[in-house]
């Protein structure tokens, strides 16, 4: 998504686990190359792998933006064992979760804490907001739990399963959604 700062435009991408609504990866930059969503994806992989979860077998859905159709991005998905899938053009259902998180981010972070002087300032505010979003914000779609509570509940109920929580991920980008479905 595009966010104006006093020093120019900034861009933020998120990776969200659709099951728990947890933002597991994000990145803010002053430009929008393939590296922006790739960094957010790498953070998501790192978070899940650090928790002992596998990311192999994830189906990654995205819009047809150049960042997601690039050779570099496609190769990284392949290296992780993820399967790429591009959503339909102009389909609002493909972008519903992305638009929801983007709207919350703009309302609860950008409008409240901004305007920002620099991309670095926005990045720090984003870090704080993501922590709050995951640890404190209640979500009606998951029974008025926080994303962390939802994940903890899932793992308490599924301790004997070796399946990762990585059920669905959505990468919110300046140009749409990258949703990963297991």
Protein backbone atom coordinates (compact mmCIF):
# COMPACT_ATOMS: atom_id res chain seq x y z
CA UNK A 1 0.00 0.00 0.00
CA UNK A 2 1.07 3.57 -0.61
CA UNK A 3 1.60 5.91 2.36
CA UNK A 4 2.70 9.52 1.87
CA UNK A 5 5.44 10.84 4.14
CA UNK A 6 7.05 14.28 4.22
CA UNK A 7 10.12 12.84 2.50
CA UNK A 8 8.21 11.02 -0.24
CA UNK A 9 6.04 7.97 -0.78
CA UNK A 10 6.46 4.87 1.41
CA UNK A 11 5.17 1.37 0.77
CA UNK A 12 4.19 -1.39 3.20
CA UNK A 13 3.52 -5.08 2.58
CA UNK A 14 2.05 -7.54 5.10
CA UNK A 15 1.82 -11.32 5.28
CA UNK A 16 -1.17 -12.41 7.36
CA UNK A 17 -2.15 -15.88 8.52
CA UNK A 18 -5.82 -16.05 7.56
CA UNK A 19 -6.69 -18.66 10.20
CA UNK A 20 -5.44 -16.65 13.17
CA UNK A 21 -5.35 -13.17 11.56
CA UNK A 22 -1.78 -12.83 12.83
CA UNK A 23 0.54 -10.62 10.80
CA UNK A 24 3.55 -12.91 10.48
CA UNK A 25 5.59 -10.79 8.07
CA UNK A 26 5.79 -7.17 7.00
CA UNK A 27 8.11 -4.68 5.36
CA UNK A 28 8.13 -0.90 4.82
CA UNK A 29 10.33 0.74 2.16
CA UNK A 30 10.60 3.99 0.24
CA UNK A 31 10.18 2.13 -3.06
CA UNK A 32 8.23 -0.88 -4.32
CA UNK A 33 10.57 -3.41 -5.90
CA UNK A 34 10.20 -7.19 -5.74
CA UNK A 35 12.23 -7.00 -2.54
CA UNK A 36 9.31 -5.40 -0.64
CA UNK A 37 6.90 -8.38 -0.67
CA UNK A 38 9.86 -10.77 -0.73
CA UNK A 39 11.14 -9.36 2.58
CA UNK A 40 7.66 -9.67 4.11
CA UNK A 41 7.46 -13.26 2.88
CA UNK A 42 10.93 -14.07 4.23
CA UNK A 43 9.91 -12.72 7.64
CA UNK A 44 6.80 -14.93 7.59
CA UNK A 45 8.88 -17.99 6.67
CA UNK A 46 11.35 -17.14 9.45
CA UNK A 47 8.59 -16.70 12.06
CA UNK A 48 6.99 -20.02 11.16
CA UNK A 49 10.24 -21.95 10.85
CA UNK A 50 11.48 -20.53 14.17
CA UNK A 51 8.33 -21.96 15.76
CA UNK A 52 9.17 -25.36 14.26
CA UNK A 53 6.49 -25.21 11.58
CA UNK A 54 6.97 -26.20 7.98
CA UNK A 55 6.02 -23.86 5.14
CA UNK A 56 6.32 -26.51 2.45
CA UNK A 57 3.11 -27.15 0.55
CA UNK A 58 1.65 -23.68 0.94
CA UNK A 59 -0.26 -22.42 -2.07
CA UNK A 60 0.50 -18.74 -2.57
CA UNK A 61 -2.21 -16.63 -4.19
CA UNK A 62 -1.36 -13.15 -5.43
CA UNK A 63 -2.41 -10.49 -7.85
CA UNK A 64 -0.62 -10.23 -11.17
CA UNK A 65 1.71 -7.43 -10.03
CA UNK A 66 5.25 -7.45 -11.36
CA UNK A 67 6.65 -8.05 -7.86
CA UNK A 68 4.82 -11.38 -7.61
CA UNK A 69 5.39 -12.59 -11.16
CA UNK A 70 9.11 -11.87 -11.10
CA UNK A 71 11.55 -14.74 -11.57
CA UNK A 72 13.21 -13.94 -8.25
CA UNK A 73 9.94 -14.11 -6.29
CA UNK A 74 8.81 -17.27 -8.08
CA UNK A 75 12.15 -18.97 -7.43
CA UNK A 76 11.95 -18.16 -3.71
CA UNK A 77 8.47 -19.67 -3.48
CA UNK A 78 9.71 -22.77 -5.26
CA UNK A 79 12.75 -23.02 -2.96
CA UNK A 80 10.41 -22.94 0.07
CA UNK A 81 8.14 -25.60 -1.43
CA UNK A 82 5.28 -23.16 -1.98
CA UNK A 83 3.06 -23.25 -5.04
CA UNK A 84 2.29 -19.96 -6.81
CA UNK A 85 -1.25 -19.10 -7.90
CA UNK A 86 -2.32 -15.75 -9.35
CA UNK A 87 -5.82 -14.47 -8.50
CA UNK A 88 -8.32 -13.16 -10.99
CA UNK A 89 -8.06 -9.56 -12.10
CA UNK A 90 -10.56 -7.22 -10.45
CA UNK A 91 -11.98 -9.86 -8.11
CA UNK A 92 -12.81 -8.13 -4.84
CA UNK A 93 -13.06 -11.47 -3.03
CA UNK A 94 -9.37 -12.13 -3.73
CA UNK A 95 -8.50 -8.87 -1.96
CA UNK A 96 -11.04 -8.83 0.89
CA UNK A 97 -8.66 -9.77 3.70
CA UNK A 98 -5.91 -7.57 2.29
CA UNK A 99 -8.21 -4.58 2.05
CA UNK A 100 -9.46 -5.17 5.59
CA UNK A 101 -5.95 -5.24 7.09
CA UNK A 102 -4.85 -2.29 4.95
CA UNK A 103 -7.88 -0.30 6.11
CA UNK A 104 -7.20 -1.13 9.76
CA UNK A 105 -3.52 -0.20 9.34
CA UNK A 106 -4.36 3.13 7.77
CA UNK A 107 -7.05 3.89 10.38
CA UNK A 108 -5.31 2.59 13.50
CA UNK A 109 -1.70 3.47 12.69
CA UNK A 110 -1.18 5.85 9.79
CA UNK A 111 -3.99 8.30 10.59
CA UNK A 112 -3.50 8.22 14.36
CA UNK A 113 0.31 8.34 14.52
CA UNK A 114 0.98 10.22 11.26
CA UNK A 115 1.82 12.14 9.29
CA UNK A 116 5.31 10.69 9.20
CA UNK A 117 8.46 12.58 8.29
CA UNK A 118 10.35 9.60 6.90
CA UNK A 119 9.93 5.97 5.90
CA UNK A 120 12.00 4.99 8.94
CA UNK A 121 9.51 6.76 11.21
CA UNK A 122 6.64 4.93 9.50
CA UNK A 123 8.51 1.64 9.85
CA UNK A 124 8.83 2.10 13.62
CA UNK A 125 5.15 2.97 13.92
CA UNK A 126 4.31 -0.11 11.82
CA UNK A 127 6.39 -2.31 14.13
CA UNK A 128 4.47 -1.01 17.13
CA UNK A 129 1.11 -1.39 15.40
CA UNK A 130 1.82 -4.96 14.24
CA UNK A 131 2.77 -5.94 17.80
CA UNK A 132 -0.46 -4.38 19.12
CA UNK A 133 -2.51 -5.95 16.30
CA UNK A 134 -1.17 -9.44 17.09
CA UNK A 135 -1.08 -9.23 20.89
CA UNK A 136 -3.96 -6.93 21.89
CA UNK A 137 -6.47 -6.29 19.10
CA UNK A 138 -9.61 -8.40 19.31
CA UNK A 139 -10.98 -9.76 16.03
CA UNK A 140 -14.65 -10.63 15.66
CA UNK A 141 -13.85 -13.07 12.82
CA UNK A 142 -11.97 -15.30 15.29
CA UNK A 143 -14.38 -15.07 18.22
CA UNK A 144 -13.12 -11.81 19.72
CA UNK A 145 -9.69 -13.25 20.42
CA UNK A 146 -6.32 -11.75 19.58
CA UNK A 147 -4.35 -13.48 16.81
CA UNK A 148 -1.84 -14.79 19.36
CA UNK A 149 -4.66 -16.19 21.53
CA UNK A 150 -6.15 -17.88 18.47
CA UNK A 151 -2.84 -19.52 17.61
CA UNK A 152 -2.31 -20.62 21.22
CA UNK A 153 -5.81 -22.12 21.26
CA UNK A 154 -5.13 -23.92 17.99
CA UNK A 155 -1.91 -25.44 19.28
CA UNK A 156 -3.45 -26.50 22.61
CA UNK A 157 -6.19 -28.31 20.71
CA UNK A 158 -3.87 -29.81 18.08
CA UNK A 159 -0.75 -30.74 20.03
CA UNK A 160 -0.65 -34.26 18.60
CA UNK A 161 -0.84 -33.11 15.00
CA UNK A 162 2.33 -32.35 13.10
CA UNK A 163 0.56 -29.97 10.74
CA UNK A 164 1.64 -26.33 10.76
CA UNK A 165 -0.76 -23.53 11.52
CA UNK A 166 0.31 -21.99 8.26
CA UNK A 167 -3.15 -22.61 6.82
CA UNK A 168 -3.57 -19.46 4.80
CA UNK A 169 -1.38 -16.43 4.47
CA UNK A 170 -2.25 -13.18 2.81
CA UNK A 171 0.40 -10.75 1.75
CA UNK A 172 -1.00 -7.27 1.59
CA UNK A 173 0.86 -5.31 -0.95
CA UNK A 174 0.57 -1.92 -2.57
CA UNK A 175 -1.11 -3.62 -5.51
CA UNK A 176 -3.34 -6.20 -3.84
CA UNK A 177 -3.18 -9.46 -1.97
CA UNK A 178 -0.89 -12.39 -1.90
CA UNK A 179 -2.80 -15.08 -0.10
CA UNK A 180 -1.19 -18.35 0.69
CA UNK A 181 -3.43 -21.32 1.33
CA UNK A 182 -2.38 -24.67 2.70
